[in-house]
Amino acid sequence: MNIYLTSFKTFFKIGMFTLGGGYAMIPLIEEEVVNKHRWVEKEEMLDLIAIAQSCPGVFAINIAIFIGYKLRQVRGAIATALGTALPSFLIILAIAIFFSQFKDNSTIAAIFRGIRPAVVALIAVPTFNLAKRAHIGWTNFWIPLVCALAIWWLGVSPIYIILIAGIAGYGYGRISS
């Protein structure tokens, strides 16, 4: 089958069946891209996730573009980006068209209240899996914990956290090598 169509359909499915945004997509992206199609190795996937998080823009689109570009340069990136974005666009378009008809519907409100905890779980699981693969254990778990608390509790900009982490990582790499 045509790689452009295959990659588009793969990322369309990922975009269609994943609630909760980019981080909730990680397990499905890994299953499809690493395990099923073998377009990317497991270790490379971790690097792509780190790069996609660091780049401006939507995480899911960034990672789709990186994988598509790896497959077939610009045309591959366009196919995977469209595949990822199109389901959300169509869903939001449908919601916008019909929003006034169901905005005050108690059943719809109850459905969304039920989905919220599931979305938290969909974000938490990939976070723990990433921590394991990044070798975050009992000796260094304080680093992401302090970073998260600095952002959440003290209101420190994530940009500063990324800059400090990059400088510290560079320094550590220079010292340890």
Foldseek 3Di string as FASTA:
>chain_A
DDPLVVLLQLLLVLQQPFPQFDLLSVVSCCCVDCPNPNLDDPVVSLVLQVVLVVDPDGSQLSSQLVSLCSVPNPSRSVSNNCSNVVNVVVVVVVCVVCVVVPVPPPVVVVVVVVCVVVSVVSNVVSVVVSCVVVVPDPVHVVLVVVLVCCCPPVVDDVVVSVVVVVVVVVVVVVVVD
